[in-house]
PDB file of N, CA and C in Angstrom:
ATOM      1  N   MET A   1      89.026 125.154 112.082  1.00  0.00           N
ATOM      2  CA  MET A   1      89.416 124.977 113.524  1.00  0.00           C
ATOM      3  C   MET A   1      89.821 126.302 114.039  1.00  0.00           C
ATOM      4  N   PRO A   2      89.262 126.757 115.133  1.00  0.00           N
ATOM      5  CA  PRO A   2      89.743 127.988 115.736  1.00  0.00           C
ATOM      6  C   PRO A   2      91.133 127.782 116.389  1.00  0.00           C
ATOM      7  N   LEU A   3      91.969 128.777 116.305  1.00  0.00           N
ATOM      8  CA  LEU A   3      93.266 128.731 116.937  1.00  0.00           C
ATOM      9  C   LEU A   3      93.158 129.148 118.356  1.00  0.00           C
ATOM     10  N   THR A   4      93.821 128.404 119.242  1.00  0.00           N
ATOM     11  CA  THR A   4      93.735 128.662 120.653  1.00  0.00           C
ATOM     12  C   THR A   4      95.088 129.215 121.131  1.00  0.00           C
ATOM     13  N   ARG A   5      95.157 130.314 121.827  1.00  0.00           N
ATOM     14  CA  ARG A   5      96.385 130.800 122.300  1.00  0.00           C
ATOM     15  C   ARG A   5      97.006 129.880 123.383  1.00  0.00           C
ATOM     16  N   ASN A   6      98.312 130.020 123.538  1.00  0.00           N
ATOM     17  CA  ASN A   6      99.079 129.194 124.553  1.00  0.00           C
ATOM     18  C   ASN A   6      99.104 127.764 124.248  1.00  0.00           C
ATOM     19  N   ARG A   7      98.957 127.355 123.032  1.00  0.00           N
ATOM     20  CA  ARG A   7      99.147 125.939 122.674  1.00  0.00           C
ATOM     21  C   ARG A   7     100.437 125.834 121.867  1.00  0.00           C
ATOM     22  N   TRP A   8     101.068 124.674 121.964  1.00  0.00           N
ATOM     23  CA  TRP A   8     102.287 124.386 121.213  1.00  0.00           C
ATOM     24  C   TRP A   8     101.997 123.735 119.851  1.00  0.00           C
ATOM     25  N   THR A   9     100.873 122.940 119.881  1.00  0.00           N
ATOM     26  CA  THR A   9     100.641 122.002 118.762  1.00  0.00           C
ATOM     27  C   THR A   9      99.214 122.135 118.219  1.00  0.00           C
ATOM     28  N   TYR A  10      99.147 121.987 116.832  1.00  0.00           N
ATOM     29  CA  TYR A  10      97.858 121.962 116.175  1.00  0.00           C
ATOM     30  C   TYR A  10      97.883 120.765 115.261  1.00  0.00           C
ATOM     31  N   TYR A  11      96.687 120.095 115.115  1.00  0.00           N
ATOM     32  CA  TYR A  11      96.589 118.836 114.339  1.00  0.00           C
ATOM     33  C   TYR A  11      95.724 119.017 113.133  1.00  0.00           C
ATOM     34  N   PHE A  12      96.250 118.411 112.066  1.00  0.00           N
ATOM     35  CA  PHE A  12      95.511 118.436 110.759  1.00  0.00           C
ATOM     36  C   PHE A  12      95.385 117.031 110.206  1.00  0.00           C
ATOM     37  N   ARG A  13      94.249 116.756 109.583  1.00  0.00           N
ATOM     38  CA  ARG A  13      94.057 115.446 108.904  1.00  0.00           C
ATOM     39  C   ARG A  13      93.406 115.653 107.570  1.00  0.00           C
ATOM     40  N   HIS A  14      93.785 114.799 106.630  1.00  0.00           N
ATOM     41  CA  HIS A  14      93.190 114.838 105.313  1.00  0.00           C
ATOM     42  C   HIS A  14      93.010 113.429 104.835  1.00  0.00           C
ATOM     43  N   THR A  15      91.815 113.055 104.410  1.00  0.00           N
ATOM     44  CA  THR A  15      91.545 111.751 103.860  1.00  0.00           C
ATOM     45  C   THR A  15      91.550 111.858 102.349  1.00  0.00           C
ATOM     46  N   LEU A  16      92.229 110.931 101.724  1.00  0.00           N
ATOM     47  CA  LEU A  16      92.239 110.886 100.232  1.00  0.00           C
ATOM     48  C   LEU A  16      91.936 109.523  99.809  1.00  0.00           C
ATOM     49  N   SER A  17      91.317 109.385  98.639  1.00  0.00           N
ATOM     50  CA  SER A  17      90.989 108.073  98.137  1.00  0.00           C
ATOM     51  C   SER A  17      91.842 107.808  96.873  1.00  0.00           C
ATOM     52  N   ILE A  18      92.453 106.658  96.823  1.00  0.00           N
ATOM     53  CA  ILE A  18      93.272 106.256  95.669  1.00  0.00           C
ATOM     54  C   ILE A  18      92.441 105.162  94.977  1.00  0.00           C
ATOM     55  N   PRO A  19      92.056 105.441  93.717  1.00  0.00           N
ATOM     56  CA  PRO A  19      91.236 104.506  92.969  1.00  0.00           C
ATOM     57  C   PRO A  19      92.066 103.241  92.554  1.00  0.00           C
ATOM     58  N   ALA A  20      91.327 102.171  92.253  1.00  0.00           N
ATOM     59  CA  ALA A  20      92.008 100.942  91.789  1.00  0.00           C
ATOM     60  C   ALA A  20      92.666 101.341  90.482  1.00  0.00           C
ATOM     61  N   GLY A  21      93.717 100.545  90.141  1.00  0.00           N
ATOM     62  CA  GLY A  21      94.465 100.808  88.917  1.00  0.00           C
ATOM     63  C   GLY A  21      95.902 100.375  89.117  1.00  0.00           C
ATOM     64  N   PRO A  22      96.798 100.919  88.354  1.00  0.00           N
ATOM     65  CA  PRO A  22      98.193 100.542  88.463  1.00  0.00           C
ATOM     66  C   PRO A  22      98.664 100.861  89.853  1.00  0.00           C
ATOM     67  N   ALA A  23      99.700 100.140  90.316  1.00  0.00           N
ATOM     68  CA  ALA A  23     100.258 100.323  91.643  1.00  0.00           C
ATOM     69  C   ALA A  23     100.910 101.768  91.765  1.00  0.00           C
ATOM     70  N   VAL A  24     100.922 102.299  92.955  1.00  0.00           N
ATOM     71  CA  VAL A  24     101.593 103.626  93.214  1.00  0.00           C
ATOM     72  C   VAL A  24     103.080 103.294  93.146  1.00  0.00           C
ATOM     73  N   LEU A  25     103.737 104.057  92.351  1.00  0.00           N
ATOM     74  CA  LEU A  25     105.208 103.879  92.153  1.00  0.00           C
ATOM     75  C   LEU A  25     106.025 104.816  92.991  1.00  0.00           C
ATOM     76  N   ASP A  26     105.465 106.017  93.163  1.00  0.00           N
ATOM     77  CA  ASP A  26     106.179 107.102  93.842  1.00  0.00           C
ATOM     78  C   ASP A  26     105.178 108.039  94.470  1.00  0.00           C
ATOM     79  N   ALA A  27     105.488 108.603  95.627  1.00  0.00           N
ATOM     80  CA  ALA A  27     104.640 109.581  96.257  1.00  0.00           C
ATOM     81  C   ALA A  27     105.570 110.610  96.926  1.00  0.00           C
ATOM     82  N   LYS A  28     105.296 111.906  96.644  1.00  0.00           N
ATOM     83  CA  LYS A  28     106.089 112.951  97.236  1.00  0.00           C
ATOM     84  C   LYS A  28     105.120 113.955  97.819  1.00  0.00           C
ATOM     85  N   LEU A  29     105.417 114.422  99.057  1.00  0.00           N
ATOM     86  CA  LEU A  29     104.628 115.454  99.721  1.00  0.00           C
ATOM     87  C   LEU A  29     105.529 116.709  99.727  1.00  0.00           C
ATOM     88  N   ARG A  30     105.040 117.778  99.099  1.00  0.00           N
ATOM     89  CA  ARG A  30     105.695 119.071  99.133  1.00  0.00           C
ATOM     90  C   ARG A  30     104.944 119.915 100.094  1.00  0.00           C
ATOM     91  N   PHE A  31     105.653 120.586 101.029  1.00  0.00           N
ATOM     92  CA  PHE A  31     104.948 121.328 102.083  1.00  0.00           C
ATOM     93  C   PHE A  31     105.734 122.500 102.592  1.00  0.00           C
ATOM     94  N   LYS A  32     104.969 123.392 103.226  1.00  0.00           N
ATOM     95  CA  LYS A  32     105.542 124.507 104.001  1.00  0.00           C
ATOM     96  C   LYS A  32     104.982 124.379 105.478  1.00  0.00           C
ATOM     97  N   ARG A  33     105.869 124.769 106.392  1.00  0.00           N
ATOM     98  CA  ARG A  33     105.456 124.647 107.819  1.00  0.00           C
ATOM     99  C   ARG A  33     106.115 125.738 108.610  1.00  0.00           C
ATOM    100  N   ASP A  34     105.389 126.134 109.700  1.00  0.00           N
ATOM    101  CA  ASP A  34     105.959 127.086 110.596  1.00  0.00           C
ATOM    102  C   ASP A  34     105.339 126.741 111.989  1.00  0.00           C
ATOM    103  N   ASP A  35     106.138 126.253 112.929  1.00  0.00           N
ATOM    104  CA  ASP A  35     107.615 126.161 112.839  1.00  0.00           C
ATOM    105  C   ASP A  35     108.069 124.728 112.521  1.00  0.00           C
ATOM    106  N   GLY A  36     107.469 123.714 113.107  1.00  0.00           N
ATOM    107  CA  GLY A  36     107.867 122.337 112.888  1.00  0.00           C
ATOM    108  C   GLY A  36     106.720 121.434 112.581  1.00  0.00           C
ATOM    109  N   ALA A  37     106.988 120.268 112.002  1.00  0.00           N
ATOM    110  CA  ALA A  37     105.905 119.359 111.664  1.00  0.00           C
ATOM    111  C   ALA A  37     106.355 117.910 111.766  1.00  0.00           C
ATOM    112  N   VAL A  38     105.412 117.073 112.180  1.00  0.00           N
ATOM    113  CA  VAL A  38     105.561 115.592 112.182  1.00  0.00           C
ATOM    114  C   VAL A  38     104.437 115.108 111.266  1.00  0.00           C
ATOM    115  N   ILE A  39     104.802 114.268 110.297  1.00  0.00           N
ATOM    116  CA  ILE A  39     103.867 113.821 109.264  1.00  0.00           C
ATOM    117  C   ILE A  39     103.641 112.311 109.347  1.00  0.00           C
ATOM    118  N   TYR A  40     102.416 111.910 109.296  1.00  0.00           N
ATOM    119  CA  TYR A  40     102.027 110.496 109.343  1.00  0.00           C
ATOM    120  C   TYR A  40     101.139 110.156 108.135  1.00  0.00           C
ATOM    121  N   VAL A  41     101.371 108.945 107.640  1.00  0.00           N
ATOM    122  CA  VAL A  41     100.469 108.377 106.603  1.00  0.00           C
ATOM    123  C   VAL A  41      99.891 107.069 107.121  1.00  0.00           C
ATOM    124  N   ASN A  42      98.609 107.018 107.211  1.00  0.00           N
ATOM    125  CA  ASN A  42      97.896 105.881 107.699  1.00  0.00           C
ATOM    126  C   ASN A  42      98.481 105.370 109.027  1.00  0.00           C
ATOM    127  N   GLY A  43      98.728 106.342 109.900  1.00  0.00           N
ATOM    128  CA  GLY A  43      99.197 106.086 111.281  1.00  0.00           C
ATOM    129  C   GLY A  43     100.661 105.782 111.433  1.00  0.00           C
ATOM    130  N   VAL A  44     101.424 105.879 110.344  1.00  0.00           N
ATOM    131  CA  VAL A  44     102.887 105.601 110.417  1.00  0.00           C
ATOM    132  C   VAL A  44     103.636 106.937 110.192  1.00  0.00           C
ATOM    133  N   GLU A  45     104.532 107.247 111.103  1.00  0.00           N
ATOM    134  CA  GLU A  45     105.315 108.448 110.955  1.00  0.00           C
ATOM    135  C   GLU A  45     106.246 108.276 109.722  1.00  0.00           C
ATOM    136  N   VAL A  46     106.151 109.307 108.858  1.00  0.00           N
ATOM    137  CA  VAL A  46     107.003 109.258 107.612  1.00  0.00           C
ATOM    138  C   VAL A  46     108.004 110.345 107.557  1.00  0.00           C
ATOM    139  N   GLY A  47     107.940 111.315 108.436  1.00  0.00           N
ATOM    140  CA  GLY A  47     108.898 112.382 108.392  1.00  0.00           C
ATOM    141  C   GLY A  47     108.645 113.443 109.434  1.00  0.00           C
ATOM    142  N   ARG A  48     109.777 114.172 109.675  1.00  0.00           N
ATOM    143  CA  ARG A  48     109.742 115.375 110.555  1.00  0.00           C
ATOM    144  C   ARG A  48     110.490 116.520 109.908  1.00  0.00           C
ATOM    145  N   SER A  49     110.041 117.680 110.203  1.00  0.00           N
ATOM    146  CA  SER A  49     110.721 118.874 109.749  1.00  0.00           C
ATOM    147  C   SER A  49     110.894 119.881 110.898  1.00  0.00           C
ATOM    148  N   ASN A  50     112.123 120.238 111.199  1.00  0.00           N
ATOM    149  CA  ASN A  50     112.410 121.161 112.256  1.00  0.00           C
ATOM    150  C   ASN A  50     111.829 120.740 113.606  1.00  0.00           C
ATOM    151  N   MET A  51     111.949 119.429 113.886  1.00  0.00           N
ATOM    152  CA  MET A  51     111.449 118.842 115.111  1.00  0.00           C
ATOM    153  C   MET A  51     112.599 117.991 115.757  1.00  0.00           C
ATOM    154  N   PRO A  52     112.631 117.913 117.083  1.00  0.00           N
ATOM    155  CA  PRO A  52     113.644 117.121 117.729  1.00  0.00           C
ATOM    156  C   PRO A  52     113.375 115.588 117.524  1.00  0.00           C
ATOM    157  N   THR A  53     114.403 114.805 117.716  1.00  0.00           N
ATOM    158  CA  THR A  53     114.261 113.309 117.654  1.00  0.00           C
ATOM    159  C   THR A  53     113.582 112.875 118.932  1.00  0.00           C
ATOM    160  N   GLY A  54     113.190 111.646 118.934  1.00  0.00           N
ATOM    161  CA  GLY A  54     112.569 111.070 120.155  1.00  0.00           C
ATOM    162  C   GLY A  54     111.072 111.224 120.186  1.00  0.00           C
ATOM    163  N   THR A  55     110.484 110.958 121.341  1.00  0.00           N
ATOM    164  CA  THR A  55     109.062 110.978 121.508  1.00  0.00           C
ATOM    165  C   THR A  55     108.566 112.411 121.374  1.00  0.00           C
ATOM    166  N   VAL A  56     107.497 112.593 120.631  1.00  0.00           N
ATOM    167  CA  VAL A  56     106.903 113.948 120.479  1.00  0.00           C
ATOM    168  C   VAL A  56     105.562 113.984 121.277  1.00  0.00           C
ATOM    169  N   LEU A  57     105.414 114.961 122.082  1.00  0.00           N
ATOM    170  CA  LEU A  57     104.171 115.182 122.837  1.00  0.00           C
ATOM    171  C   LEU A  57     103.507 116.449 122.370  1.00  0.00           C
ATOM    172  N   ASP A  58     102.271 116.704 122.830  1.00  0.00           N
ATOM    173  CA  ASP A  58     101.602 117.957 122.449  1.00  0.00           C
ATOM    174  C   ASP A  58     102.351 119.188 123.005  1.00  0.00           C
ATOM    175  N   SER A  59     103.210 118.934 123.977  1.00  0.00           N
ATOM    176  CA  SER A  59     103.991 120.066 124.593  1.00  0.00           C
ATOM    177  C   SER A  59     105.379 120.191 123.990  1.00  0.00           C
ATOM    178  N   THR A  60     105.713 119.369 122.997  1.00  0.00           N
ATOM    179  CA  THR A  60     107.061 119.416 122.441  1.00  0.00           C
ATOM    180  C   THR A  60     107.169 120.669 121.520  1.00  0.00           C
ATOM    181  N   LYS A  61     108.262 121.466 121.754  1.00  0.00           N
ATOM    182  CA  LYS A  61     108.483 122.651 120.942  1.00  0.00           C
ATOM    183  C   LYS A  61     109.215 122.251 119.690  1.00  0.00           C
ATOM    184  N   ALA A  62     108.962 123.015 118.592  1.00  0.00           N
ATOM    185  CA  ALA A  62     109.781 122.897 117.373  1.00  0.00           C
ATOM    186  C   ALA A  62     111.192 123.140 117.796  1.00  0.00           C
ATOM    187  N   SER A  63     112.103 122.635 116.895  1.00  0.00           N
ATOM    188  CA  SER A  63     113.537 122.791 117.202  1.00  0.00           C
ATOM    189  C   SER A  63     114.010 124.282 117.209  1.00  0.00           C
ATOM    190  N   SER A  64     113.361 125.058 116.366  1.00  0.00           N
ATOM    191  CA  SER A  64     113.707 126.535 116.306  1.00  0.00           C
ATOM    192  C   SER A  64     112.557 127.285 115.754  1.00  0.00           C
ATOM    193  N   GLY A  65     112.565 128.601 115.956  1.00  0.00           N
ATOM    194  CA  GLY A  65     111.591 129.471 115.256  1.00  0.00           C
ATOM    195  C   GLY A  65     112.063 129.697 113.890  1.00  0.00           C
ATOM    196  N   LEU A  66     111.155 129.818 112.944  1.00  0.00           N
ATOM    197  CA  LEU A  66     111.536 130.062 111.546  1.00  0.00           C
ATOM    198  C   LEU A  66     111.017 131.475 111.107  1.00  0.00           C
ATOM    199  N   GLY A  67     111.909 132.191 110.459  1.00  0.00           N
ATOM    200  CA  GLY A  67     111.539 133.413 109.818  1.00  0.00           C
ATOM    201  C   GLY A  67     110.668 133.121 108.630  1.00  0.00           C
ATOM    202  N   SER A  68     110.027 134.121 108.072  1.00  0.00           N
ATOM    203  CA  SER A  68     109.043 133.873 107.001  1.00  0.00           C
ATOM    204  C   SER A  68     109.713 133.299 105.766  1.00  0.00           C
ATOM    205  N   SER A  69     110.972 133.630 105.429  1.00  0.00           N
ATOM    206  CA  SER A  69     111.623 133.047 104.275  1.00  0.00           C
ATOM    207  C   SER A  69     111.818 131.531 104.446  1.00  0.00           C
ATOM    208  N   LYS A  70     112.245 131.110 105.636  1.00  0.00           N
ATOM    209  CA  LYS A  70     112.472 129.670 105.877  1.00  0.00           C
ATOM    210  C   LYS A  70     111.101 128.943 105.996  1.00  0.00           C
ATOM    211  N   ALA A  71     110.073 129.564 106.619  1.00  0.00           N
ATOM    212  CA  ALA A  71     108.847 128.886 106.754  1.00  0.00           C
ATOM    213  C   ALA A  71     108.156 128.754 105.399  1.00  0.00           C
ATOM    214  N   ASN A  72     108.372 129.685 104.493  1.00  0.00           N
ATOM    215  CA  ASN A  72     107.747 129.611 103.187  1.00  0.00           C
ATOM    216  C   ASN A  72     108.563 128.838 102.146  1.00  0.00           C
ATOM    217  N   SER A  73     109.728 128.297 102.523  1.00  0.00           N
ATOM    218  CA  SER A  73     110.504 127.528 101.576  1.00  0.00           C
ATOM    219  C   SER A  73     109.790 126.100 101.474  1.00  0.00           C
ATOM    220  N   ILE A  74     109.742 125.593 100.285  1.00  0.00           N
ATOM    221  CA  ILE A  74     109.048 124.289 100.068  1.00  0.00           C
ATOM    222  C   ILE A  74     110.054 123.168 100.465  1.00  0.00           C
ATOM    223  N   GLN A  75     109.515 122.332 101.345  1.00  0.00           N
ATOM    224  CA  GLN A  75     110.229 121.102 101.729  1.00  0.00           C
ATOM    225  C   GLN A  75     109.597 119.922 100.940  1.00  0.00           C
ATOM    226  N   GLU A  76     110.427 118.854 100.768  1.00  0.00           N
ATOM    227  CA  GLU A  76     109.887 117.717 100.075  1.00  0.00           C
ATOM    228  C   GLU A  76     110.180 116.461 100.852  1.00  0.00           C
ATOM    229  N   LEU A  77     109.202 115.567 100.913  1.00  0.00           N
ATOM    230  CA  LEU A  77     109.311 114.321 101.620  1.00  0.00           C
ATOM    231  C   LEU A  77     108.864 113.165 100.751  1.00  0.00           C
ATOM    232  N   VAL A  78     109.644 112.200 100.563  1.00  0.00           N
ATOM    233  CA  VAL A  78     109.255 110.974  99.826  1.00  0.00           C
ATOM    234  C   VAL A  78     108.491 110.063 100.740  1.00  0.00           C
ATOM    235  N   ILE A  79     107.277 109.685 100.350  1.00  0.00           N
ATOM    236  CA  ILE A  79     106.466 108.791 101.120  1.00  0.00           C
ATOM    237  C   ILE A  79     106.617 107.403 100.516  1.00  0.00           C
ATOM    238  N   PRO A  80     106.893 106.380 101.349  1.00  0.00           N
ATOM    239  CA  PRO A  80     106.993 105.034 100.800  1.00  0.00           C
ATOM    240  C   PRO A  80     105.655 104.625 100.143  1.00  0.00           C
ATOM    241  N   ALA A  81     105.764 104.275  98.895  1.00  0.00           N
ATOM    242  CA  ALA A  81     104.579 103.836  98.120  1.00  0.00           C
ATOM    243  C   ALA A  81     103.803 102.695  98.841  1.00  0.00           C
ATOM    244  N   SER A  82     104.517 101.892  99.566  1.00  0.00           N
ATOM    245  CA  SER A  82     103.899 100.734 100.258  1.00  0.00           C
ATOM    246  C   SER A  82     102.935 101.204 101.283  1.00  0.00           C
ATOM    247  N   LEU A  83     103.012 102.447 101.794  1.00  0.00           N
ATOM    248  CA  LEU A  83     102.084 102.929 102.793  1.00  0.00           C
ATOM    249  C   LEU A  83     100.759 103.382 102.272  1.00  0.00           C
ATOM    250  N   LEU A  84     100.687 103.599 100.944  1.00  0.00           N
ATOM    251  CA  LEU A  84      99.445 104.078 100.261  1.00  0.00           C
ATOM    252  C   LEU A  84      98.694 102.911  99.680  1.00  0.00           C
ATOM    253  N   THR A  85      97.479 102.781  99.990  1.00  0.00           N
ATOM    254  CA  THR A  85      96.690 101.605  99.535  1.00  0.00           C
ATOM    255  C   THR A  85      95.487 102.102  98.657  1.00  0.00           C
ATOM    256  N   VAL A  86      94.973 101.211  97.855  1.00  0.00           N
ATOM    257  CA  VAL A  86      93.766 101.516  97.112  1.00  0.00           C
ATOM    258  C   VAL A  86      92.657 101.724  98.123  1.00  0.00           C
ATOM    259  N   GLY A  87      91.882 102.775  97.912  1.00  0.00           N
ATOM    260  CA  GLY A  87      90.829 103.105  98.840  1.00  0.00           C
ATOM    261  C   GLY A  87      91.243 104.372  99.736  1.00  0.00           C
ATOM    262  N   GLU A  88      90.701 104.378 100.912  1.00  0.00           N
ATOM    263  CA  GLU A  88      90.874 105.489 101.771  1.00  0.00           C
ATOM    264  C   GLU A  88      92.262 105.534 102.482  1.00  0.00           C
ATOM    265  N   ASN A  89      92.879 106.670 102.451  1.00  0.00           N
ATOM    266  CA  ASN A  89      94.215 106.842 103.147  1.00  0.00           C
ATOM    267  C   ASN A  89      94.126 108.131 103.937  1.00  0.00           C
ATOM    268  N   VAL A  90      94.800 108.205 105.005  1.00  0.00           N
ATOM    269  CA  VAL A  90      94.772 109.436 105.881  1.00  0.00           C
ATOM    270  C   VAL A  90      96.220 109.986 106.051  1.00  0.00           C
ATOM    271  N   ILE A  91      96.328 111.269 105.753  1.00  0.00           N
ATOM    272  CA  ILE A  91      97.540 112.000 106.045  1.00  0.00           C
ATOM    273  C   ILE A  91      97.240 112.870 107.293  1.00  0.00           C
ATOM    274  N   ALA A  92      98.041 112.692 108.308  1.00  0.00           N
ATOM    275  CA  ALA A  92      97.827 113.457 109.542  1.00  0.00           C
ATOM    276  C   ALA A  92      99.164 114.201 109.863  1.00  0.00           C
ATOM    277  N   VAL A  93      99.013 115.418 110.339  1.00  0.00           N
ATOM    278  CA  VAL A  93     100.177 116.262 110.608  1.00  0.00           C
ATOM    279  C   VAL A  93     100.029 116.969 111.941  1.00  0.00           C
ATOM    280  N   GLU A  94     101.036 116.971 112.676  1.00  0.00           N
ATOM    281  CA  GLU A  94     101.159 117.788 113.921  1.00  0.00           C
ATOM    282  C   GLU A  94     102.059 119.024 113.561  1.00  0.00           C
ATOM    283  N   VAL A  95     101.516 120.220 113.716  1.00  0.00           N
ATOM    284  CA  VAL A  95     102.359 121.385 113.484  1.00  0.00           C
ATOM    285  C   VAL A  95     102.694 121.932 114.929  1.00  0.00           C
ATOM    286  N   HIS A  96     103.960 122.074 115.169  1.00  0.00           N
ATOM    287  CA  HIS A  96     104.434 122.520 116.481  1.00  0.00           C
ATOM    288  C   HIS A  96     105.072 123.940 116.388  1.00  0.00           C
ATOM    289  N   GLN A  97     104.698 124.717 117.317  1.00  0.00           N
ATOM    290  CA  GLN A  97     105.262 126.090 117.391  1.00  0.00           C
ATOM    291  C   GLN A  97     106.500 126.077 118.227  1.00  0.00           C
ATOM    292  N   TYR A  98     107.339 127.084 117.997  1.00  0.00           N
ATOM    293  CA  TYR A  98     108.548 127.258 118.859  1.00  0.00           C
ATOM    294  C   TYR A  98     108.209 128.058 120.137  1.00  0.00           C
ATOM    295  N   THR A  99     107.198 128.943 119.938  1.00  0.00           N
ATOM    296  CA  THR A  99     106.707 129.768 121.069  1.00  0.00           C
ATOM    297  C   THR A  99     105.212 129.498 121.207  1.00  0.00           C
ATOM    298  N   ALA A 100     104.802 129.072 122.449  1.00  0.00           N
ATOM    299  CA  ALA A 100     103.421 128.768 122.700  1.00  0.00           C
ATOM    300  C   ALA A 100     102.528 129.978 122.356  1.00  0.00           C
ATOM    301  N   GLY A 101     101.435 129.742 121.736  1.00  0.00           N
ATOM    302  CA  GLY A 101     100.509 130.786 121.453  1.00  0.00           C
ATOM    303  C   GLY A 101     100.854 131.678 120.251  1.00  0.00           C
ATOM    304  N   SER A 102     101.873 131.291 119.515  1.00  0.00           N
ATOM    305  CA  SER A 102     102.319 132.065 118.402  1.00  0.00           C
ATOM    306  C   SER A 102     101.495 131.734 117.187  1.00  0.00           C
ATOM    307  N   THR A 103     100.201 132.061 117.194  1.00  0.00           N
ATOM    308  CA  THR A 103      99.285 131.680 116.126  1.00  0.00           C
ATOM    309  C   THR A 103      99.345 132.629 114.930  1.00  0.00           C
ATOM    310  N   SER A 104      99.978 133.755 115.087  1.00  0.00           N
ATOM    311  CA  SER A 104     100.019 134.695 113.954  1.00  0.00           C
ATOM    312  C   SER A 104     100.878 134.183 112.813  1.00  0.00           C
ATOM    313  N   ASP A 105     101.720 133.224 113.104  1.00  0.00           N
ATOM    314  CA  ASP A 105     102.604 132.651 112.018  1.00  0.00           C
ATOM    315  C   ASP A 105     102.388 131.182 111.844  1.00  0.00           C
ATOM    316  N   LEU A 106     101.327 130.608 112.337  1.00  0.00           N
ATOM    317  CA  LEU A 106     101.098 129.180 112.168  1.00  0.00           C
ATOM    318  C   LEU A 106     100.882 128.890 110.647  1.00  0.00           C
ATOM    319  N   LEU A 107     101.606 127.892 110.207  1.00  0.00           N
ATOM    320  CA  LEU A 107     101.518 127.633 108.737  1.00  0.00           C
ATOM    321  C   LEU A 107     101.602 126.113 108.481  1.00  0.00           C
ATOM    322  N   TRP A 108     100.663 125.623 107.731  1.00  0.00           N
ATOM    323  CA  TRP A 108     100.751 124.247 107.149  1.00  0.00           C
ATOM    324  C   TRP A 108     100.093 124.327 105.729  1.00  0.00           C
ATOM    325  N   ASP A 109     100.860 123.977 104.743  1.00  0.00           N
ATOM    326  CA  ASP A 109     100.368 123.934 103.371  1.00  0.00           C
ATOM    327  C   ASP A 109     101.051 122.782 102.679  1.00  0.00           C
ATOM    328  N   ALA A 110     100.301 121.898 101.977  1.00  0.00           N
ATOM    329  CA  ALA A 110     100.934 120.718 101.378  1.00  0.00           C
ATOM    330  C   ALA A 110     100.239 120.365 100.060  1.00  0.00           C
ATOM    331  N   GLN A 111     101.006 119.616  99.266  1.00  0.00           N
ATOM    332  CA  GLN A 111     100.581 119.104  98.015  1.00  0.00           C
ATOM    333  C   GLN A 111     101.170 117.695  97.910  1.00  0.00           C
ATOM    334  N   LEU A 112     100.342 116.705  97.593  1.00  0.00           N
ATOM    335  CA  LEU A 112     100.779 115.342  97.425  1.00  0.00           C
ATOM    336  C   LEU A 112     100.818 114.990  95.913  1.00  0.00           C
ATOM    337  N   GLU A 113     101.924 114.495  95.477  1.00  0.00           N
ATOM    338  CA  GLU A 113     102.021 114.051  94.078  1.00  0.00           C
ATOM    339  C   GLU A 113     102.246 112.546  94.022  1.00  0.00           C
ATOM    340  N   ILE A 114     101.394 111.836  93.345  1.00  0.00           N
ATOM    341  CA  ILE A 114     101.474 110.381  93.217  1.00  0.00           C
ATOM    342  C   ILE A 114     101.732 109.980  91.788  1.00  0.00           C
ATOM    343  N   THR A 115     102.737 109.146  91.556  1.00  0.00           N
ATOM    344  CA  THR A 115     103.013 108.659  90.238  1.00  0.00           C
ATOM    345  C   THR A 115     102.661 107.165  90.218  1.00  0.00           C
ATOM    346  N   ARG A 116     101.871 106.713  89.159  1.00  0.00           N
ATOM    347  CA  ARG A 116     101.491 105.361  89.013  1.00  0.00           C
ATOM    348  C   ARG A 116     102.111 104.755  87.788  1.00  0.00           C
TER     349      ARG A 116
END
C-alpha cells in the first residue's frame, strides 16, 4: 500500500486460518506501533495502544508522538480465545499518527502466538 501524505490513519488486515483440533486456550499479540493503534479480531475491538478513549475516526490523532525507543518497544495484548474460531479469522489494525503525513516513522509489526 502506498503511503499518502497528510493522512492520520492507515489500515492493515491479515487473514489467518486456525485448523480444527484442540480448542484455543490462549492468544497473545506482541506488537510495535508508531504512533497509536486500535486492534480488532473478527470485527471486535480487542485493544488500543497510545490512543484516546471513545469513538475513533480516521481523523483521530494518536494520544502522543512516540520516539523511536518507545515505538520499538514490544507491547503485548491478550486476545480472548473465544474470539478465535476454527477456520478463517481476520486481524485488522488502524495505525494512527500524532502528526498528519508523518509517514517516515509509520510502524506496525506484530506476531500472534496461539496456545492450544
